[in-house]
C-alpha atoms as a PDB file:
ATOM      1  CA  MET A   1      11.631 -56.627 -42.450  1.00  0.00           C
ATOM      2  CA  GLY A   2      14.530 -59.238 -42.092  1.00  0.00           C
ATOM      3  CA  ASN A   3      15.707 -62.133 -43.790  1.00  0.00           C
ATOM      4  CA  CYS A   4      14.674 -66.119 -44.683  1.00  0.00           C
ATOM      5  CA  GLY A   5      17.515 -67.992 -45.553  1.00  0.00           C
ATOM      6  CA  SER A   6      20.474 -67.563 -47.073  1.00  0.00           C
ATOM      7  CA  PRO A   7      20.862 -65.177 -50.245  1.00  0.00           C
ATOM      8  CA  ILE A   8      20.723 -66.357 -53.416  1.00  0.00           C
ATOM      9  CA  GLU A   9      23.597 -66.225 -56.062  1.00  0.00           C
ATOM     10  CA  LEU A  10      22.091 -65.341 -59.283  1.00  0.00           C
ATOM     11  CA  ASP A  11      23.583 -63.541 -62.766  1.00  0.00           C
ATOM     12  CA  GLU A  12      21.458 -59.958 -61.742  1.00  0.00           C
ATOM     13  CA  GLY A  13      22.936 -59.921 -58.033  1.00  0.00           C
ATOM     14  CA  TRP A  14      22.100 -61.709 -55.164  1.00  0.00           C
ATOM     15  CA  LEU A  15      18.453 -62.446 -54.171  1.00  0.00           C
ATOM     16  CA  VAL A  16      16.666 -62.364 -51.189  1.00  0.00           C
ATOM     17  CA  MET A  17      13.564 -63.409 -49.627  1.00  0.00           C
ATOM     18  CA  THR A  18      12.886 -61.553 -46.864  1.00  0.00           C
ATOM     19  CA  HIS A  19       9.678 -61.562 -44.173  1.00  0.00           C
ATOM     20  CA  GLY A  20       7.805 -58.884 -42.955  1.00  0.00           C
ATOM     21  CA  VAL A  21       4.385 -57.688 -40.891  1.00  0.00           C
ATOM     22  CA  GLY A  22       1.786 -55.925 -41.531  1.00  0.00           C
ATOM     23  CA  THR A  23      -1.652 -54.275 -40.810  1.00  0.00           C
ATOM     24  CA  VAL A  24      -3.243 -57.311 -37.947  1.00  0.00           C
ATOM     25  CA  ARG A  25       0.276 -58.399 -37.427  1.00  0.00           C
ATOM     26  CA  ASN A  26      -0.086 -60.411 -40.683  1.00  0.00           C
ATOM     27  CA  TYR A  27       3.435 -61.740 -41.497  1.00  0.00           C
ATOM     28  CA  CYS A  28       3.955 -61.974 -44.626  1.00  0.00           C
ATOM     29  CA  ILE A  29       7.246 -62.984 -47.482  1.00  0.00           C
ATOM     30  CA  GLY A  30       8.625 -60.852 -50.196  1.00  0.00           C
ATOM     31  CA  ALA A  31      12.398 -60.923 -52.064  1.00  0.00           C
ATOM     32  CA  CYS A  32      14.839 -58.175 -53.222  1.00  0.00           C
ATOM     33  CA  LEU A  33      17.908 -57.897 -55.437  1.00  0.00           C
ATOM     34  CA  LEU A  34      21.099 -56.679 -54.122  1.00  0.00           C
ATOM     35  CA  ASP A  35      24.322 -55.630 -56.161  1.00  0.00           C
ATOM     36  CA  LYS A  36      26.270 -58.292 -57.078  1.00  0.00           C
ATOM     37  CA  ASN A  37      29.821 -57.085 -56.166  1.00  0.00           C
ATOM     38  CA  ASP A  38      28.294 -54.379 -53.325  1.00  0.00           C
ATOM     39  CA  PRO A  39      25.546 -56.044 -51.491  1.00  0.00           C
ATOM     40  CA  SER A  40      24.634 -52.933 -49.173  1.00  0.00           C
ATOM     41  CA  LYS A  41      23.343 -51.619 -52.337  1.00  0.00           C
ATOM     42  CA  LEU A  42      19.521 -51.970 -53.091  1.00  0.00           C
ATOM     43  CA  LEU A  43      18.922 -53.233 -56.814  1.00  0.00           C
ATOM     44  CA  ALA A  44      14.854 -53.661 -56.306  1.00  0.00           C
ATOM     45  CA  ARG A  45      12.448 -54.937 -54.233  1.00  0.00           C
ATOM     46  CA  THR A  46       8.527 -56.753 -54.847  1.00  0.00           C
ATOM     47  CA  PRO A  47       6.584 -53.418 -53.883  1.00  0.00           C
ATOM     48  CA  ARG A  48       3.470 -55.852 -52.114  1.00  0.00           C
ATOM     49  CA  PRO A  49       4.331 -59.456 -50.757  1.00  0.00           C
ATOM     50  CA  VAL A  50       4.896 -62.294 -52.873  1.00  0.00           C
ATOM     51  CA  LEU A  51       2.910 -64.670 -50.678  1.00  0.00           C
ATOM     52  CA  PHE A  52       0.579 -64.062 -47.666  1.00  0.00           C
ATOM     53  CA  PRO A  53      -1.400 -66.383 -45.596  1.00  0.00           C
ATOM     54  CA  SER A  54      -4.249 -67.098 -47.664  1.00  0.00           C
ATOM     55  CA  PRO A  55      -7.910 -67.230 -45.642  1.00  0.00           C
ATOM     56  CA  HIS A  56      -6.956 -71.557 -44.568  1.00  0.00           C
ATOM     57  CA  GLU A  57      -3.487 -70.569 -44.103  1.00  0.00           C
ATOM     58  CA  ARG A  58      -4.679 -67.857 -41.262  1.00  0.00           C
ATOM     59  CA  ASP A  59      -5.306 -70.059 -38.281  1.00  0.00           C
ATOM     60  CA  GLY A  60      -3.079 -71.747 -35.746  1.00  0.00           C
ATOM     61  CA  TYR A  61      -0.873 -71.712 -32.439  1.00  0.00           C
ATOM     62  CA  VAL A  62       0.615 -67.975 -34.376  1.00  0.00           C
ATOM     63  CA  PRO A  63      -2.459 -67.093 -36.859  1.00  0.00           C
ATOM     64  CA  ASN A  64      -2.324 -64.917 -39.652  1.00  0.00           C
ATOM     65  CA  VAL A  65       2.138 -66.069 -40.515  1.00  0.00           C
ATOM     66  CA  VAL A  66       4.046 -67.874 -43.752  1.00  0.00           C
ATOM     67  CA  TYR A  67       7.341 -67.436 -42.938  1.00  0.00           C
ATOM     68  CA  SER A  68      10.226 -69.335 -44.731  1.00  0.00           C
ATOM     69  CA  CYS A  69      14.421 -69.937 -43.508  1.00  0.00           C
ATOM     70  CA  GLY A  70      15.297 -70.533 -46.899  1.00  0.00           C
ATOM     71  CA  ALA A  71      14.609 -71.451 -50.421  1.00  0.00           C
ATOM     72  CA  ILE A  72      16.041 -73.776 -53.344  1.00  0.00           C
ATOM     73  CA  VAL A  73      17.307 -73.361 -56.991  1.00  0.00           C
ATOM     74  CA  GLN A  74      17.131 -75.052 -59.347  1.00  0.00           C
ATOM     75  CA  GLY A  75      17.846 -73.447 -62.861  1.00  0.00           C
ATOM     76  CA  ARG A  76      15.721 -70.127 -63.058  1.00  0.00           C
ATOM     77  CA  THR A  77      12.676 -72.105 -60.522  1.00  0.00           C
ATOM     78  CA  MET A  78      13.399 -71.478 -57.440  1.00  0.00           C
ATOM     79  CA  LEU A  79      10.863 -73.718 -54.497  1.00  0.00           C
ATOM     80  CA  LEU A  80      10.543 -72.253 -51.090  1.00  0.00           C
ATOM     81  CA  PRO A  81       9.563 -74.106 -48.361  1.00  0.00           C
ATOM     82  CA  TYR A  82       7.554 -71.982 -45.657  1.00  0.00           C
ATOM     83  CA  GLY A  83       5.761 -72.616 -42.180  1.00  0.00           C
ATOM     84  CA  VAL A  84       2.485 -71.439 -42.004  1.00  0.00           C
ATOM     85  CA  ALA A  85       0.841 -70.369 -38.522  1.00  0.00           C
ATOM     86  CA  ASP A  86       3.329 -73.081 -36.616  1.00  0.00           C
ATOM     87  CA  SER A  87       0.589 -75.311 -37.505  1.00  0.00           C
ATOM     88  CA  PHE A  88       1.705 -76.590 -40.507  1.00  0.00           C
ATOM     89  CA  THR A  89       4.557 -76.265 -43.879  1.00  0.00           C
ATOM     90  CA  ALA A  90       3.995 -76.141 -47.354  1.00  0.00           C
ATOM     91  CA  PHE A  91       5.698 -75.346 -50.587  1.00  0.00           C
ATOM     92  CA  ALA A  92       5.707 -72.708 -52.936  1.00  0.00           C
ATOM     93  CA  THR A  93       7.322 -72.039 -56.211  1.00  0.00           C
ATOM     94  CA  ALA A  94       8.131 -69.536 -59.047  1.00  0.00           C
ATOM     95  CA  SER A  95      10.321 -68.531 -61.590  1.00  0.00           C
ATOM     96  CA  ILE A  96      13.043 -66.093 -61.033  1.00  0.00           C
ATOM     97  CA  ASP A  97      12.412 -64.046 -63.811  1.00  0.00           C
ATOM     98  CA  ASN A  98       8.928 -63.271 -62.899  1.00  0.00           C
ATOM     99  CA  LEU A  99      10.146 -62.480 -59.370  1.00  0.00           C
ATOM    100  CA  LEU A 100      12.643 -60.173 -60.844  1.00  0.00           C
ATOM    101  CA  ASP A 101      10.145 -58.862 -63.347  1.00  0.00           C
ATOM    102  CA  VAL A 102       7.474 -57.714 -60.453  1.00  0.00           C
ATOM    103  CA  MET A 103      10.510 -55.925 -58.374  1.00  0.00           C
ATOM    104  CA  GLU A 104      10.436 -52.142 -58.552  1.00  0.00           C
END
């Protein structure tokens, strides 16, 4: 597991987009929330990936991979550019509130 770019400062804490590898070398993106005053404390994290390779995103130079190097937040909406199978890029958007709501 590793980070996908710099932490994003929110009122609730530091939002960190993460990447990890699962079965069959399937790289996905998740998220966690760290304490604003002590980032060594994990407050919550997504129990499952929030972005994973769809069937049309599986083939490429490095198959079964989605990854990002950072996100942009405007208000309470996140724009996440991500690479797909080392072949092309795409963009995802997410509501910060919805993302925090699915964390455990």
